[in-house]
Amino acid sequence: MSDDFTADELVSLVRTVFAPVAGRDRSLVVLCDVPRTPDADTPAWRERREIAFEWMTLLRGAREKLGLTRVTLVAYPDVGSNNADLPRELRGVPKKATSLERIPDTSTRFTPEKLLSRTNLVLALTERSTTAPLKMLAPKLRFRAATLPGFSRAMFPALRLDFDAVSRRTLEMKQRLDGAESARLDLEADGRVHVLELDLRHRHAHASDGLIREPGMAANLPSGEAYIVPYEGERRGDPSRTHGTLPVELGSEIVVYRIEENRATSVTSHGPVSEREAAAIREEPAYGNIAELGLGVLGEFGIQAVGSVLLDEKLGLHVAFGRSEHLGGVIGPSAFLDRARVIHVDRVFVPSAQPHVVVRRVSLRSADGHETDVIRDGRMIA
């Protein structure tokens, strides 16, 4: 199978994901970020901008098939971290441009609100995730967005799946999370099993299935996960019950976080990465917020890891730190001491991402005490 989408495949993808309504959905924006300096660029980032340019070109040529009158490529300078807010200035890339190595100085300038208030559909092919800011803006401005942070040509197979089958499986996992009052994660690292109990009270789960068909929606693409934000203790007199330890393999080091009341409060491991993470928690406590429990289903459909969080988190278990309000929690940019440090970062527990951390068990417990395993020895079993 080719690593490139044909015009017909891209038209089919837009129809499947967005189901554009004739006469209503007339404008589509392809959104991407650009390195602030040449030294910050990478081959993967350049490839993503190439894909953005290719998709813009193909979609402009297929406007009539989709009922679109306008397809625009819009770029902005790198914001520096995943899920930080968009910059106050976005720039339209001129039609005469032949690539996107930099943002032309003469390009049209917009605020995010001005651009998105007159946009129906968005494909965000970015280096830094825009999922959080677009999720927050979409209900207000009534656009729909598919966010593809870290997207690469290696992910095209996940966009050729049967979306309806993925949706059914994702909804099954959502229902299991909705029926749970808590989750228990048993993770083995360095011969020791770490246990993290997650408080799921007062929350509803969500299904991210790649079907973004109602105005006001924004979600990842490729999709295929059910997720829930653990209870963060915002109710007076009712602290979060989330507690335990969580090992995360970062580079050559396994960092062990101690979790109390849904926050990473300290790091019990030793080494330079552990010291860096301990400092990050001290300096920015909101970074330590446990922001998401996610269960991906794409591994059941034969999709393989590619080394990017966007896809790999859809293969199994992931736990996120930081910002949560875009997923149904209460921690947003105002909870951070420094707006420049606003982040939502996923830690993905699949062998390619963390080969020395093994998911022994993930179980869900209902209010009546009934317990069901959904993952055992790294494999989804529910």
Protein backbone atom coordinates (compact mmCIF):
# COMPACT_ATOMS: atom_id res chain seq x y z
CA MET A 1 0.00 0.00 0.00
CA SER A 2 1.32 3.42 -0.96
CA ASP A 3 2.58 5.73 1.78
CA ASP A 4 0.80 8.60 0.03
CA PHE A 5 -2.92 9.35 -0.03
CA THR A 6 -4.55 9.78 -3.41
CA ALA A 7 -7.06 12.57 -3.91
CA ASP A 8 -9.90 10.03 -3.80
CA GLU A 9 -8.61 8.55 -0.51
CA LEU A 10 -8.33 11.99 1.05
CA VAL A 11 -11.84 12.91 -0.08
CA SER A 12 -13.09 9.62 1.40
CA LEU A 13 -11.30 10.35 4.68
CA VAL A 14 -12.84 13.83 4.97
CA ARG A 15 -16.28 12.42 4.19
CA THR A 16 -15.89 9.60 6.73
CA VAL A 17 -14.49 11.76 9.53
CA PHE A 18 -16.53 14.94 9.11
CA ALA A 19 -19.56 13.91 7.00
CA PRO A 20 -19.70 17.45 5.52
CA VAL A 21 -23.19 18.88 5.10
CA ALA A 22 -23.88 20.44 1.71
CA GLY A 23 -24.41 24.18 1.95
CA ARG A 24 -23.24 24.36 5.55
CA ASP A 25 -19.65 23.10 5.56
CA ARG A 26 -17.98 25.34 3.02
CA SER A 27 -14.50 26.08 4.38
CA LEU A 28 -11.60 23.86 5.45
CA VAL A 29 -8.31 24.91 7.06
CA VAL A 30 -5.13 22.82 7.09
CA LEU A 31 -3.22 24.03 10.16
CA CYS A 32 0.46 23.46 10.88
CA ASP A 33 3.25 24.87 13.03
CA VAL A 34 6.71 25.91 11.85
CA PRO A 35 10.01 25.83 13.80
CA ARG A 36 11.08 29.19 15.15
CA THR A 37 14.68 28.54 14.11
CA PRO A 38 16.23 26.22 11.49
CA ASP A 39 18.14 24.41 14.24
CA ALA A 40 14.86 23.31 15.83
CA ASP A 41 13.63 21.57 12.69
CA THR A 42 13.65 17.78 12.26
CA PRO A 43 13.11 15.42 9.31
CA ALA A 44 9.78 14.28 10.82
CA TRP A 45 8.58 17.86 11.19
CA ARG A 46 9.58 18.68 7.60
CA GLU A 47 7.72 15.58 6.39
CA ARG A 48 4.59 16.66 8.27
CA ARG A 49 4.67 20.09 6.66
CA GLU A 50 5.07 18.39 3.30
CA ILE A 51 1.98 16.28 4.04
CA ALA A 52 0.07 19.41 5.07
CA PHE A 53 1.02 21.09 1.80
CA GLU A 54 0.09 17.97 -0.22
CA TRP A 55 -3.28 17.64 1.50
CA MET A 56 -4.05 21.31 0.98
CA THR A 57 -3.25 20.95 -2.74
CA LEU A 58 -5.32 17.77 -3.16
CA LEU A 59 -8.28 19.21 -1.26
CA ARG A 60 -8.25 22.42 -3.27
CA GLY A 61 -8.49 20.27 -6.39
CA ALA A 62 -11.39 18.29 -4.89
CA ARG A 63 -13.40 21.21 -3.49
CA GLU A 64 -16.47 20.51 -5.63
CA LYS A 65 -16.63 16.85 -4.56
CA LEU A 66 -16.76 17.93 -0.92
CA GLY A 67 -18.97 20.97 -1.41
CA LEU A 68 -16.19 23.31 -0.25
CA THR A 69 -15.62 26.83 -1.52
CA ARG A 70 -12.40 27.53 0.36
CA VAL A 71 -9.36 25.43 1.41
CA THR A 72 -6.67 27.39 3.26
CA LEU A 73 -3.22 26.45 4.56
CA VAL A 74 -2.52 28.31 7.82
CA ALA A 75 0.75 28.29 9.76
CA TYR A 76 2.14 29.68 12.99
CA PRO A 77 5.46 29.64 14.90
CA ASP A 78 6.04 26.74 17.29
CA VAL A 79 4.45 27.32 20.71
CA GLY A 80 7.04 25.16 22.49
CA SER A 81 4.92 22.51 24.27
CA ASN A 82 2.07 20.11 23.68
CA ASN A 83 -1.44 21.48 24.23
CA ALA A 84 -0.38 25.02 25.05
CA ASP A 85 -2.76 27.67 23.74
CA LEU A 86 -2.42 28.82 20.14
CA PRO A 87 -0.46 32.03 19.55
CA ARG A 88 -2.40 35.22 19.06
CA GLU A 89 -1.38 35.40 15.43
CA LEU A 90 -1.88 32.78 12.70
CA ARG A 91 -0.83 33.34 9.09
CA GLY A 92 -2.41 32.20 5.87
CA VAL A 93 0.04 30.69 3.38
CA PRO A 94 -0.29 32.37 -0.06
CA LYS A 95 -1.69 30.27 -2.90
CA LYS A 96 1.45 30.88 -4.96
CA ALA A 97 3.66 29.23 -2.28
CA THR A 98 5.27 25.93 -3.32
CA SER A 99 6.40 24.70 0.11
CA LEU A 100 6.32 25.59 3.79
CA GLU A 101 9.90 25.92 4.96
CA ARG A 102 9.06 29.21 6.67
CA ILE A 103 6.10 31.53 7.10
CA PRO A 104 6.05 34.25 4.43
CA ASP A 105 6.25 37.75 5.91
CA THR A 106 3.57 39.01 3.51
CA SER A 107 0.97 36.41 4.46
CA THR A 108 -2.50 37.30 5.78
CA ARG A 109 -2.71 37.42 9.57
CA PHE A 110 -5.55 36.24 11.80
CA THR A 111 -6.29 35.74 15.45
CA PRO A 112 -7.36 32.13 16.16
CA GLU A 113 -10.90 33.35 16.94
CA LYS A 114 -11.21 35.33 13.71
CA LEU A 115 -9.98 32.45 11.56
CA LEU A 116 -11.89 29.66 13.24
CA SER A 117 -15.17 31.55 13.57
CA ARG A 118 -15.44 31.43 9.77
CA THR A 119 -14.06 27.91 9.36
CA ASN A 120 -16.11 24.73 9.32
CA LEU A 121 -13.47 21.97 9.18
CA VAL A 122 -9.87 21.84 10.44
CA LEU A 123 -7.07 19.34 9.84
CA ALA A 124 -4.26 20.22 12.27
CA LEU A 125 -0.99 18.58 11.17
CA THR A 126 1.34 19.91 13.85
CA GLU A 127 4.50 19.10 15.77
CA ARG A 128 3.02 20.23 19.10
CA SER A 129 -0.43 18.96 19.90
CA THR A 130 -3.27 21.46 19.40
CA THR A 131 -5.93 19.12 20.80
CA ALA A 132 -6.51 21.03 24.05
CA PRO A 133 -6.88 24.55 22.62
CA LEU A 134 -9.01 23.36 19.69
CA LYS A 135 -11.25 21.33 21.99
CA MET A 136 -11.83 24.45 24.06
CA LEU A 137 -12.47 26.74 21.07
CA ALA A 138 -14.62 24.36 19.00
CA PRO A 139 -17.82 24.54 21.10
CA LYS A 140 -17.62 28.34 21.17
CA LEU A 141 -16.93 28.85 17.46
CA ARG A 142 -18.76 25.76 16.12
CA PHE A 143 -16.03 24.37 13.87
CA ARG A 144 -14.91 20.72 13.79
CA ALA A 145 -11.26 19.72 14.05
CA ALA A 146 -9.18 16.61 13.57
CA THR A 147 -5.84 17.03 15.34
CA LEU A 148 -2.86 15.04 14.03
CA PRO A 149 0.16 16.00 16.20
CA GLY A 150 3.26 14.07 15.29
CA PHE A 151 1.56 12.59 12.21
CA SER A 152 3.71 10.75 9.67
CA ARG A 153 3.27 8.71 6.51
CA ALA A 154 3.76 5.57 8.62
CA MET A 155 0.32 6.28 10.15
CA PHE A 156 -1.62 6.12 6.89
CA PRO A 157 -2.69 2.46 7.53
CA ALA A 158 -4.59 3.63 10.63
CA LEU A 159 -6.55 6.05 8.43
CA ARG A 160 -7.56 3.19 6.11
CA LEU A 161 -9.31 1.16 8.83
CA ASP A 162 -13.04 0.48 9.06
CA PHE A 163 -13.99 3.50 11.18
CA ASP A 164 -17.35 2.02 12.11
CA ALA A 165 -15.71 -1.12 13.55
CA VAL A 166 -13.20 1.01 15.47
CA SER A 167 -16.08 3.13 16.76
CA ARG A 168 -17.99 0.09 18.06
CA ARG A 169 -14.96 -1.23 19.95
CA THR A 170 -14.13 2.19 21.35
CA LEU A 171 -17.69 2.64 22.60
CA GLU A 172 -17.49 -0.74 24.35
CA MET A 173 -14.42 0.43 26.28
CA LYS A 174 -16.11 3.75 27.09
CA GLN A 175 -19.05 1.88 28.62
CA ARG A 176 -16.67 -0.15 30.79
CA LEU A 177 -14.99 3.01 32.06
CA ASP A 178 -18.36 4.65 32.70
CA GLY A 179 -19.35 1.68 34.86
CA ALA A 180 -16.20 1.89 36.98
CA GLU A 181 -15.64 3.77 40.20
CA SER A 182 -11.91 3.08 40.21
CA ALA A 183 -9.12 1.55 38.16
CA ARG A 184 -6.05 -0.35 39.34
CA LEU A 185 -2.83 -0.39 37.32
CA ASP A 186 -0.17 -3.01 38.07
CA LEU A 187 3.06 -2.12 36.25
CA GLU A 188 6.33 -4.03 36.59
CA ALA A 189 9.68 -2.26 36.30
CA ASP A 190 13.13 -3.41 37.44
CA GLY A 191 11.60 -6.55 38.97
CA ARG A 192 9.15 -4.62 41.15
CA VAL A 193 5.40 -4.27 40.66
CA HIS A 194 4.08 -0.75 41.13
CA VAL A 195 0.39 -0.21 41.87
CA LEU A 196 -1.57 2.92 41.02
CA GLU A 197 -5.19 3.25 42.11
CA LEU A 198 -7.14 5.79 40.04
CA ASP A 199 -10.29 7.43 41.39
CA LEU A 200 -12.91 7.53 38.61
CA ARG A 201 -15.80 8.88 40.65
CA HIS A 202 -17.70 11.97 39.46
CA ARG A 203 -16.48 11.55 35.89
CA HIS A 204 -17.77 10.38 32.51
CA ALA A 205 -15.64 8.56 29.95
CA HIS A 206 -15.30 9.61 26.32
CA ALA A 207 -14.92 7.68 23.08
CA SER A 208 -12.46 9.04 20.53
CA ASP A 209 -13.41 7.06 17.44
CA GLY A 210 -12.43 9.35 14.57
CA LEU A 211 -16.01 10.36 13.78
CA ILE A 212 -16.13 14.15 14.20
CA ARG A 213 -19.52 14.85 12.74
CA GLU A 214 -21.17 17.48 14.94
CA PRO A 215 -20.23 21.18 15.07
CA GLY A 216 -18.19 21.99 18.16
CA MET A 217 -16.14 18.77 18.20
CA ALA A 218 -12.35 18.33 18.12
CA ALA A 219 -10.52 15.01 18.44
CA ASN A 220 -7.36 13.15 17.49
CA LEU A 221 -6.86 11.41 14.18
CA PRO A 222 -5.93 8.55 13.97
CA SER A 223 -8.42 7.70 16.70
CA GLY A 224 -9.41 4.59 18.60
CA GLU A 225 -9.41 5.06 22.36
CA ALA A 226 -11.71 5.47 25.33
CA TYR A 227 -10.47 7.87 27.98
CA ILE A 228 -11.46 9.36 31.30
CA VAL A 229 -10.02 12.03 33.58
CA PRO A 230 -9.53 10.74 37.14
CA TYR A 231 -11.35 12.72 39.81
CA GLU A 232 -9.09 15.65 40.75
CA GLY A 233 -10.51 16.47 44.19
CA GLU A 234 -12.29 19.69 43.29
CA ARG A 235 -15.34 18.94 45.49
CA ARG A 236 -15.10 20.46 48.94
CA GLY A 237 -14.52 17.81 51.60
CA ASP A 238 -14.06 15.03 49.04
CA PRO A 239 -10.37 14.56 48.19
CA SER A 240 -9.30 12.41 45.27
CA ARG A 241 -8.53 8.81 46.18
CA THR A 242 -5.96 8.40 43.41
CA HIS A 243 -2.72 7.17 44.98
CA GLY A 244 0.24 4.84 44.48
CA THR A 245 3.37 4.80 42.35
CA LEU A 246 3.79 5.06 38.61
CA PRO A 247 6.97 4.01 36.76
CA VAL A 248 7.68 5.75 33.46
CA GLU A 249 10.63 4.91 31.22
CA LEU A 250 12.17 8.17 29.97
CA GLY A 251 15.22 7.54 27.84
CA SER A 252 17.52 5.11 29.63
CA GLU A 253 16.00 5.76 33.05
CA ILE A 254 12.87 4.55 34.81
CA VAL A 255 11.36 7.44 36.73
CA VAL A 256 9.06 6.46 39.61
CA TYR A 257 6.45 9.06 40.62
CA ARG A 258 4.73 8.95 43.99
CA ILE A 259 1.07 9.87 43.54
CA GLU A 260 -1.14 11.29 46.30
CA GLU A 261 -4.64 12.73 45.82
CA ASN A 262 -4.22 12.59 42.04
CA ARG A 263 -0.94 14.53 41.99
CA ALA A 264 2.63 13.38 41.50
CA THR A 265 4.11 14.81 44.67
CA SER A 266 7.64 13.42 44.48
CA VAL A 267 10.01 11.16 42.56
CA THR A 268 11.43 8.17 44.40
CA SER A 269 13.89 7.02 41.73
CA HIS A 270 17.41 8.36 41.26
CA GLY A 271 19.32 9.69 38.28
CA PRO A 272 19.53 12.84 36.16
CA VAL A 273 16.12 12.35 34.52
CA SER A 274 14.51 11.65 37.90
CA GLU A 275 16.07 14.82 39.28
CA ARG A 276 14.76 16.80 36.32
CA GLU A 277 11.24 15.42 36.78
CA ALA A 278 11.30 16.04 40.53
CA ALA A 279 12.28 19.66 39.87
CA ALA A 280 9.52 20.02 37.28
CA ILE A 281 6.90 18.89 39.83
CA ARG A 282 8.22 21.26 42.47
CA GLU A 283 8.38 24.24 40.13
CA GLU A 284 5.05 23.58 38.40
CA PRO A 285 2.71 21.47 40.56
CA ALA A 286 -0.01 21.35 37.88
CA TYR A 287 2.38 19.36 35.70
CA GLY A 288 2.02 16.53 38.23
CA ASN A 289 -1.76 16.33 37.85
CA ILE A 290 -2.92 12.90 36.65
CA ALA A 291 -4.94 14.13 33.70
CA GLU A 292 -6.10 11.03 31.84
CA LEU A 293 -6.47 7.27 31.81
CA GLY A 294 -6.68 6.06 28.23
CA LEU A 295 -7.36 2.63 26.74
CA GLY A 296 -6.53 2.32 23.04
CA VAL A 297 -8.01 -0.38 20.78
CA LEU A 298 -6.09 -0.11 17.50
CA GLY A 299 -3.70 -2.90 18.47
CA GLU A 300 -6.65 -5.27 18.03
CA PHE A 301 -6.94 -4.12 14.41
CA GLY A 302 -3.35 -5.03 13.54
CA ILE A 303 -1.90 -1.52 13.75
CA GLN A 304 1.74 -1.42 14.84
CA ALA A 305 3.56 1.19 16.89
CA VAL A 306 5.43 3.84 14.92
CA GLY A 307 7.20 5.70 17.74
CA SER A 308 4.75 8.60 17.91
CA VAL A 309 2.40 9.26 20.81
CA LEU A 310 -0.45 10.21 18.44
CA LEU A 311 -0.74 6.65 17.17
CA ASP A 312 0.98 4.58 19.84
CA GLU A 313 -1.36 5.75 22.62
CA LYS A 314 -4.23 4.21 20.61
CA LEU A 315 -2.66 0.74 20.93
CA GLY A 316 -3.19 0.19 24.66
CA LEU A 317 -2.72 1.85 28.05
CA HIS A 318 -1.65 5.45 28.50
CA VAL A 319 -1.63 7.84 31.44
CA ALA A 320 -1.29 11.60 31.03
CA PHE A 321 0.06 14.40 33.21
CA GLY A 322 -0.92 18.08 33.28
CA ARG A 323 -3.82 19.88 31.63
CA SER A 324 -7.17 18.08 31.76
CA GLU A 325 -10.05 20.50 31.26
CA HIS A 326 -10.24 19.78 27.52
CA LEU A 327 -10.98 16.13 28.38
CA GLY A 328 -13.56 16.72 31.09
CA GLY A 329 -11.36 17.59 34.08
CA VAL A 330 -10.78 20.88 35.90
CA ILE A 331 -7.07 21.65 35.39
CA GLY A 332 -6.59 24.31 32.72
CA PRO A 333 -3.98 26.96 31.89
CA SER A 334 -4.98 29.09 34.90
CA ALA A 335 -3.91 26.26 37.23
CA PHE A 336 -0.30 26.57 36.04
CA LEU A 337 2.03 29.04 37.74
CA ASP A 338 3.64 29.80 34.38
CA ARG A 339 1.51 29.86 31.21
CA ALA A 340 4.63 28.94 29.22
CA ARG A 341 4.64 25.57 31.01
CA VAL A 342 1.06 24.57 30.22
CA ILE A 343 1.21 20.99 28.99
CA HIS A 344 -0.70 17.74 28.60
CA VAL A 345 1.75 14.90 28.08
CA ASP A 346 0.83 11.24 27.52
CA ARG A 347 2.95 8.39 28.84
CA VAL A 348 2.30 5.39 26.60
CA PHE A 349 2.73 1.90 28.04
CA VAL A 350 3.47 -0.20 24.97
CA PRO A 351 6.74 -2.13 24.44
CA SER A 352 8.06 0.15 21.71
CA ALA A 353 7.69 3.21 23.94
CA GLN A 354 8.62 1.67 27.31
CA PRO A 355 10.28 -1.74 26.78
CA HIS A 356 11.29 -2.07 30.44
CA VAL A 357 7.87 -1.32 31.93
CA VAL A 358 5.39 -4.18 31.62
CA VAL A 359 1.64 -3.74 32.06
CA ARG A 360 0.80 -6.75 34.20
CA ARG A 361 -2.80 -5.83 34.82
CA VAL A 362 -5.37 -3.09 34.41
CA SER A 363 -8.63 -3.73 36.24
CA LEU A 364 -11.82 -1.72 36.64
CA ARG A 365 -13.87 -1.84 39.84
CA SER A 366 -17.55 -0.87 40.02
CA ALA A 367 -19.27 0.77 42.98
CA ASP A 368 -20.53 -2.63 44.19
CA GLY A 369 -16.97 -3.99 44.28
CA HIS A 370 -17.14 -6.08 41.10
CA GLU A 371 -13.70 -6.15 39.43
CA THR A 372 -12.94 -6.86 35.78
CA ASP A 373 -9.58 -7.03 34.06
CA VAL A 374 -9.32 -5.17 30.76
CA ILE A 375 -5.57 -5.67 30.21
CA ARG A 376 -3.47 -8.61 31.36
CA ASP A 377 0.25 -9.01 30.61
CA GLY A 378 0.12 -6.24 28.06
CA ARG A 379 -2.84 -7.56 26.08
CA MET A 380 -6.36 -6.17 25.93
CA ILE A 381 -8.73 -8.94 27.06
CA ALA A 382 -12.08 -7.23 27.62
